[in-house]
Protein backbone atom coordinates (compact mmCIF):
# COMPACT_ATOMS: atom_id res chain seq x y z
CA MET A 1 13.30 -7.90 -86.00
CA SER A 2 11.95 -6.00 -82.97
CA THR A 3 8.30 -5.03 -82.64
CA PRO A 4 9.06 -1.26 -82.45
CA THR A 5 11.22 -1.58 -85.58
CA ILE A 6 8.45 -3.38 -87.47
CA HIS A 7 5.99 -0.76 -86.29
CA ARG A 8 8.20 2.09 -87.46
CA ARG A 9 8.80 0.50 -90.87
CA THR A 10 5.08 -0.08 -91.33
CA LEU A 11 4.46 3.56 -90.53
CA LEU A 12 7.21 4.56 -92.92
CA LEU A 13 5.75 2.63 -95.84
CA ALA A 14 2.21 3.76 -95.13
CA GLY A 15 3.32 7.35 -94.76
CA ALA A 16 5.32 7.30 -97.99
CA ALA A 17 2.35 5.94 -99.94
CA SER A 18 0.01 8.53 -98.47
CA LEU A 19 2.41 11.37 -99.19
CA ALA A 20 2.82 10.28 -102.78
CA GLY A 21 -0.93 10.41 -103.21
CA ALA A 22 -1.10 13.79 -101.53
CA ALA A 23 1.55 15.21 -103.82
CA ARG A 24 -0.45 14.15 -106.87
CA ALA A 25 -3.78 15.38 -105.57
CA GLN A 26 -2.82 18.72 -104.05
CA GLY A 27 -1.59 21.92 -105.59
CA GLY A 28 0.89 24.55 -104.47
CA PRO A 29 4.61 24.25 -103.85
CA ALA A 30 5.77 21.28 -101.81
CA ILE A 31 6.90 21.81 -98.24
CA ARG A 32 9.81 19.62 -97.21
CA ILE A 33 10.57 18.41 -93.72
CA VAL A 34 14.28 17.66 -93.36
CA VAL A 35 15.33 14.90 -90.94
CA GLY A 36 18.97 14.47 -90.00
CA TYR A 37 18.56 10.74 -89.33
CA PRO A 38 18.01 7.70 -91.57
CA ALA A 39 14.74 6.34 -92.84
CA GLY A 40 13.18 4.04 -90.25
CA ALA A 41 14.48 6.00 -87.25
CA THR A 42 11.88 7.25 -84.78
CA SER A 43 12.44 10.85 -85.87
CA ASP A 44 11.86 9.83 -89.49
CA ALA A 45 8.66 7.93 -88.69
CA LEU A 46 7.39 10.88 -86.66
CA ALA A 47 8.21 13.27 -89.51
CA ARG A 48 6.23 11.17 -91.99
CA ILE A 49 3.18 10.99 -89.74
CA VAL A 50 3.33 14.76 -89.27
CA ALA A 51 3.92 15.39 -92.99
CA GLU A 52 0.93 13.28 -93.97
CA ALA A 53 -1.40 15.15 -91.62
CA MET A 54 0.04 18.58 -92.45
CA ALA A 55 -0.53 17.95 -96.16
CA ARG A 56 -4.23 17.43 -95.48
CA GLU A 57 -4.42 20.47 -93.24
CA LEU A 58 -2.57 22.83 -95.58
CA GLY A 59 -3.89 21.53 -98.88
CA GLN A 60 -0.43 21.19 -100.41
CA PRO A 61 2.14 18.40 -100.54
CA VAL A 62 4.50 17.91 -97.62
CA ILE A 63 7.47 15.59 -98.19
CA VAL A 64 10.25 14.26 -95.99
CA GLU A 65 13.93 14.42 -96.96
CA ASN A 66 16.67 12.62 -95.02
CA LYS A 67 19.94 14.54 -94.74
CA VAL A 68 21.94 12.07 -92.68
CA GLY A 69 25.26 12.51 -90.95
CA ALA A 70 27.23 13.87 -87.99
CA GLY A 71 24.67 12.82 -85.42
CA GLY A 72 21.94 14.91 -87.03
CA ARG A 73 24.04 18.05 -87.54
CA ILE A 74 24.01 17.76 -91.35
CA GLY A 75 20.25 18.21 -91.38
CA ASN A 76 20.49 21.29 -89.18
CA GLU A 77 23.14 22.83 -91.42
CA PHE A 78 21.04 22.17 -94.50
CA VAL A 79 17.97 23.90 -93.08
CA LYS A 80 19.99 26.81 -91.71
CA ASN A 81 21.13 27.56 -95.27
CA ALA A 82 17.73 26.99 -96.91
CA PRO A 83 15.57 29.92 -98.12
CA ALA A 84 13.42 31.36 -95.34
CA ASP A 85 10.28 31.06 -97.44
CA GLY A 86 8.19 28.72 -95.32
CA LEU A 87 8.85 25.73 -97.59
CA THR A 88 11.68 24.06 -95.64
CA LEU A 89 11.36 22.74 -92.10
CA LEU A 90 13.61 20.78 -89.75
CA MET A 91 12.39 17.88 -87.61
CA THR A 92 14.93 17.22 -84.88
CA PRO A 93 15.25 15.93 -81.32
CA VAL A 94 16.56 17.95 -78.40
CA ALA A 95 20.12 16.71 -78.97
CA THR A 96 21.03 18.80 -82.03
CA MET A 97 19.65 21.95 -80.41
CA SER A 98 19.97 22.05 -76.62
CA ILE A 99 22.65 19.38 -76.10
CA PHE A 100 25.09 20.04 -78.94
CA ALA A 101 25.07 23.74 -78.07
CA SER A 102 27.21 22.71 -75.07
CA SER A 103 28.94 19.49 -76.15
CA TYR A 104 30.05 20.93 -79.50
CA ALA A 105 30.45 24.51 -78.32
CA GLY A 106 32.65 26.43 -80.73
CA GLN A 107 32.52 23.68 -83.36
CA LEU A 108 28.91 23.77 -84.59
CA ARG A 109 28.35 25.29 -88.01
CA TYR A 110 25.01 26.62 -86.84
CA ASP A 111 23.68 28.50 -83.83
CA PRO A 112 20.63 26.68 -82.46
CA PHE A 113 19.24 29.86 -80.95
CA LYS A 114 19.91 32.30 -83.79
CA ASP A 115 19.70 30.31 -87.02
CA PHE A 116 16.24 28.78 -86.56
CA ALA A 117 12.68 29.88 -85.91
CA PRO A 118 10.80 27.52 -83.56
CA VAL A 119 7.58 26.24 -85.14
CA ALA A 120 6.07 23.54 -82.91
CA HIS A 121 6.88 21.25 -79.98
CA LEU A 122 5.57 17.92 -81.23
CA SER A 123 6.38 15.13 -78.82
CA ASN A 124 8.25 14.09 -75.70
CA PHE A 125 9.94 10.75 -75.20
CA GLN A 126 11.26 8.98 -72.14
CA VAL A 127 14.83 8.21 -71.14
CA GLY A 128 15.23 5.46 -68.59
CA LEU A 129 17.67 3.25 -66.74
CA GLY A 130 17.59 -0.47 -67.42
CA VAL A 131 19.56 -3.28 -65.81
CA GLY A 132 20.55 -6.67 -67.13
CA PRO A 133 19.40 -10.09 -65.92
CA GLN A 134 22.47 -10.61 -63.72
CA VAL A 135 21.70 -7.53 -61.60
CA PRO A 136 19.71 -8.47 -58.47
CA ALA A 137 18.18 -5.00 -58.02
CA ARG A 138 14.44 -4.54 -58.59
CA THR A 139 14.32 -0.85 -57.66
CA LEU A 140 16.63 2.15 -58.02
CA ALA A 141 17.41 2.08 -54.31
CA GLU A 142 18.47 -1.55 -54.57
CA TYR A 143 20.56 -0.77 -57.66
CA VAL A 144 22.35 2.10 -55.91
CA ALA A 145 23.08 -0.10 -52.88
CA TRP A 146 24.35 -2.87 -55.17
CA VAL A 147 26.70 -0.52 -57.01
CA LYS A 148 28.08 0.79 -53.71
CA THR A 149 29.09 -2.71 -52.63
CA ASP A 150 31.70 -2.81 -55.41
CA PRO A 151 31.77 0.22 -57.78
CA ALA A 152 34.79 -1.10 -59.66
CA LYS A 153 32.85 -4.22 -60.61
CA ASN A 154 29.21 -3.13 -60.60
CA GLY A 155 29.39 0.51 -61.66
CA PHE A 156 29.54 0.16 -65.44
CA TYR A 157 26.68 1.58 -67.49
CA GLY A 158 26.38 1.84 -71.22
CA SER A 159 24.81 4.14 -73.79
CA ALA A 160 24.46 4.08 -77.56
CA ALA A 161 27.26 6.62 -78.05
CA THR A 162 29.68 8.92 -76.31
CA GLY A 163 28.23 12.39 -76.22
CA SER A 164 24.65 11.14 -76.51
CA LEU A 165 21.85 12.37 -74.28
CA PRO A 166 21.67 9.00 -72.44
CA HIS A 167 25.42 9.25 -71.78
CA PHE A 168 24.96 12.61 -70.09
CA PHE A 169 21.85 11.42 -68.29
CA GLY A 170 23.95 8.67 -66.69
CA VAL A 171 26.30 11.37 -65.41
CA MET A 172 23.35 13.24 -63.93
CA PHE A 173 22.03 10.09 -62.25
CA ALA A 174 25.40 9.18 -60.73
CA LYS A 175 25.63 12.64 -59.19
CA ALA A 176 22.05 12.56 -57.89
CA ALA A 177 22.54 9.08 -56.41
CA GLY A 178 25.99 9.73 -54.97
CA ILE A 179 27.56 6.71 -56.68
CA GLU A 180 30.52 6.08 -58.95
CA LEU A 181 29.48 5.03 -62.44
CA THR A 182 31.78 4.36 -65.39
CA HIS A 183 30.43 5.05 -68.86
CA VAL A 184 30.86 2.45 -71.60
CA PRO A 185 30.00 3.81 -75.08
CA TYR A 186 28.73 1.62 -77.90
CA LYS A 187 28.31 2.14 -81.62
CA GLY A 188 24.57 2.43 -81.69
CA THR A 189 21.51 1.24 -79.85
CA ALA A 190 21.60 -2.35 -81.10
CA ASP A 191 25.14 -2.94 -79.80
CA SER A 192 24.33 -1.44 -76.41
CA MET A 193 21.21 -3.61 -76.07
CA GLN A 194 23.16 -6.73 -76.93
CA ALA A 195 25.78 -5.86 -74.32
CA LEU A 196 23.13 -5.38 -71.64
CA ALA A 197 21.34 -8.63 -72.43
CA GLY A 198 24.65 -10.49 -72.56
CA GLY A 199 25.87 -9.18 -69.22
CA GLN A 200 28.82 -7.16 -70.56
CA ILE A 201 27.40 -4.14 -68.73
CA ALA A 202 25.19 -4.04 -65.66
CA ALA A 203 23.04 -1.07 -66.67
CA LEU A 204 22.04 0.94 -69.69
CA SER A 205 20.93 4.54 -69.98
CA THR A 206 18.73 4.67 -73.06
CA VAL A 207 15.52 5.75 -74.72
CA ALA A 208 12.94 3.75 -72.79
CA ALA A 209 11.03 2.59 -75.86
CA ASP A 210 14.18 0.98 -77.25
CA LEU A 211 14.45 -1.23 -74.17
CA GLN A 212 10.94 -2.64 -74.37
CA ASN A 213 11.81 -5.75 -76.39
CA LEU A 214 14.47 -6.84 -73.89
CA VAL A 215 12.06 -6.22 -71.02
CA ASP A 216 9.36 -8.28 -72.73
CA ALA A 217 11.86 -11.10 -73.29
CA GLY A 218 12.96 -11.12 -69.64
CA LYS A 219 16.48 -9.99 -70.57
CA ALA A 220 16.32 -6.59 -68.88
CA ARG A 221 14.35 -4.60 -66.31
CA LEU A 222 13.44 -0.94 -66.69
CA LEU A 223 13.91 0.53 -63.21
CA ALA A 224 12.83 4.12 -63.85
CA VAL A 225 11.88 6.72 -66.43
CA ALA A 226 12.96 10.34 -66.22
CA GLY A 227 9.77 12.25 -66.89
CA GLU A 228 8.05 14.48 -64.36
CA LYS A 229 5.28 11.91 -64.26
CA ARG A 230 4.83 8.33 -65.44
CA SER A 231 4.63 7.75 -69.15
CA PRO A 232 1.41 6.36 -70.65
CA ALA A 233 3.66 4.01 -72.63
CA PHE A 234 5.30 2.66 -69.42
CA ALA A 235 2.54 3.06 -66.86
CA ASN A 236 4.00 0.45 -64.51
CA VAL A 237 7.46 2.01 -64.39
CA PRO A 238 7.99 4.64 -61.66
CA THR A 239 9.88 7.87 -62.26
CA PHE A 240 13.22 8.68 -60.69
CA ARG A 241 11.51 11.34 -58.59
CA GLU A 242 8.92 8.85 -57.28
CA GLN A 243 11.82 6.75 -56.01
CA GLY A 244 13.48 9.59 -54.12
CA PHE A 245 15.91 10.95 -56.72
CA ASP A 246 15.48 14.59 -57.67
CA LEU A 247 16.12 13.96 -61.32
CA THR A 248 13.98 14.73 -64.35
CA ALA A 249 14.74 14.90 -68.04
CA LEU A 250 12.18 14.84 -70.80
CA PRO A 251 13.68 14.82 -74.31
CA TRP A 252 11.55 16.04 -77.19
CA TYR A 253 11.07 16.40 -80.92
CA GLY A 254 10.49 19.82 -82.40
CA LEU A 255 9.83 21.47 -85.75
CA PHE A 256 11.92 24.45 -86.84
CA ALA A 257 12.17 26.79 -89.84
CA PRO A 258 15.18 28.83 -90.99
CA ALA A 259 15.61 32.11 -89.14
CA GLY A 260 13.89 34.95 -90.96
CA THR A 261 10.89 32.90 -92.05
CA PRO A 262 7.93 35.32 -92.09
CA PRO A 263 5.87 35.21 -88.87
CA ALA A 264 2.67 34.57 -90.84
CA ALA A 265 4.25 31.50 -92.44
CA VAL A 266 5.51 30.25 -89.07
CA ALA A 267 2.04 30.68 -87.57
CA ARG A 268 0.39 28.79 -90.44
CA LEU A 269 2.89 25.94 -90.26
CA SER A 270 2.68 25.79 -86.48
CA LYS A 271 -1.10 25.47 -86.54
CA ALA A 272 -0.91 22.62 -89.06
CA ALA A 273 1.87 20.81 -87.16
CA ILE A 274 0.01 21.02 -83.85
CA ALA A 275 -3.12 19.65 -85.52
CA ALA A 276 -0.98 16.85 -86.99
CA VAL A 277 -0.13 15.39 -83.58
CA SER A 278 -3.41 16.28 -81.87
CA GLY A 279 -5.80 14.18 -83.94
CA LYS A 280 -6.80 10.92 -82.27
CA ALA A 281 -5.47 8.68 -85.03
CA GLN A 282 -2.03 10.32 -85.06
CA HIS A 283 -2.01 10.57 -81.26
CA ASP A 284 -2.60 6.84 -80.92
CA ARG A 285 0.03 5.99 -83.52
CA LEU A 286 2.63 8.05 -81.69
CA LEU A 287 1.78 6.49 -78.34
CA GLY A 288 2.29 3.11 -79.98
CA MET A 289 5.83 4.21 -80.84
CA GLY A 290 6.58 5.12 -77.23
CA LEU A 291 6.20 8.85 -77.91
CA GLU A 292 4.11 11.34 -75.94
CA PRO A 293 2.44 13.84 -78.29
CA THR A 294 2.39 17.44 -77.07
CA GLY A 295 1.37 19.85 -79.84
CA GLU A 296 2.58 23.20 -78.50
CA GLY A 297 3.51 26.42 -80.27
CA PRO A 298 6.71 28.34 -81.01
CA GLU A 299 6.90 30.13 -77.67
CA ARG A 300 6.73 26.89 -75.72
CA LEU A 301 9.33 25.21 -77.94
CA ALA A 302 11.72 28.15 -77.52
CA ALA A 303 11.28 28.06 -73.73
CA VAL A 304 11.82 24.30 -73.48
CA MET A 305 14.87 24.50 -75.74
CA LYS A 306 16.50 27.15 -73.52
CA ALA A 307 15.59 25.33 -70.29
CA ASP A 308 17.11 22.09 -71.55
CA TYR A 309 20.28 23.85 -72.64
CA GLU A 310 20.66 25.10 -69.07
CA ARG A 311 19.64 21.73 -67.60
CA TRP A 312 22.16 19.63 -69.52
CA ALA A 313 25.19 21.95 -69.61
CA PRO A 314 26.46 21.01 -66.10
CA ALA A 315 26.23 17.27 -66.84
CA ILE A 316 28.08 17.73 -70.12
CA ARG A 317 30.87 19.62 -68.38
CA ALA A 318 31.04 16.99 -65.60
CA SER A 319 31.29 14.17 -68.15
CA GLY A 320 34.59 15.47 -69.53
CA PHE A 321 33.25 14.90 -73.05
CA LYS A 322 35.30 16.35 -75.90
CA PRO A 323 33.96 16.60 -79.46
CA THR A 324 36.77 14.34 -80.69
CA ASP A 325 35.53 11.46 -78.47
């Protein structure tokens, strides 16, 4: 079992125990944070850390409910249809909001921009490009030169799924680098990691934290991360921009309420959520998970959400992705 996975499961168990105690000790109606991903996922672990701290801040129980399915869309649909009473929140990454608005255009059963009220921008996380042990490149420039020697042989990169953010990031990188890359989708992160370590693919576009175990084991190298600056979690890994490629992408996790939630309720929840990721203990726990806590309000979340929609739409169109893929 990987170290990040053990860490997340430990957080999950600790968070569940703390929340149970909070529910017994505190009064008032319970607030639920809905997560569209399974227990143990990074989004779930983040939600439980936030819920635990929000319960203390608000003086009422805050619980996490997993509504899993359709790449996170089930959770969004559930919260869209929930009462706008300040008691139901959605914890979700950028994908179900800014990305799916383009990749599933016309097929979503929710409107990311109309059906939700932004509450708080909680955390960023890094996407990066890793290469397998058979690739001689030690830098992005060397990798690009290596691909150009034989694109038909060397230009395969993988991601955890067709239509995922790392898939589209690979499209963006290929365009920025002026190289031909062929996408190879896998059924989840574990399969894509195994393929990279085993040499079935030369490169992998992925959440950087997920690659750390392979890097530590000498089975992969992380060539770059896509933030505007280096990540505290990967201080020795340069950004794409540092290496001469005008390419940035910083995925995030945000907290949303159903549209129509009273502004006073949104403000109260936002204050508690920001405090939840700003305390030193929570901040350090999130850094240990490869996350970068932010703690910003509704206006910032709305602006980032719109900017990322505009950022990713061209790459999604260029990928040729169809929702049936």
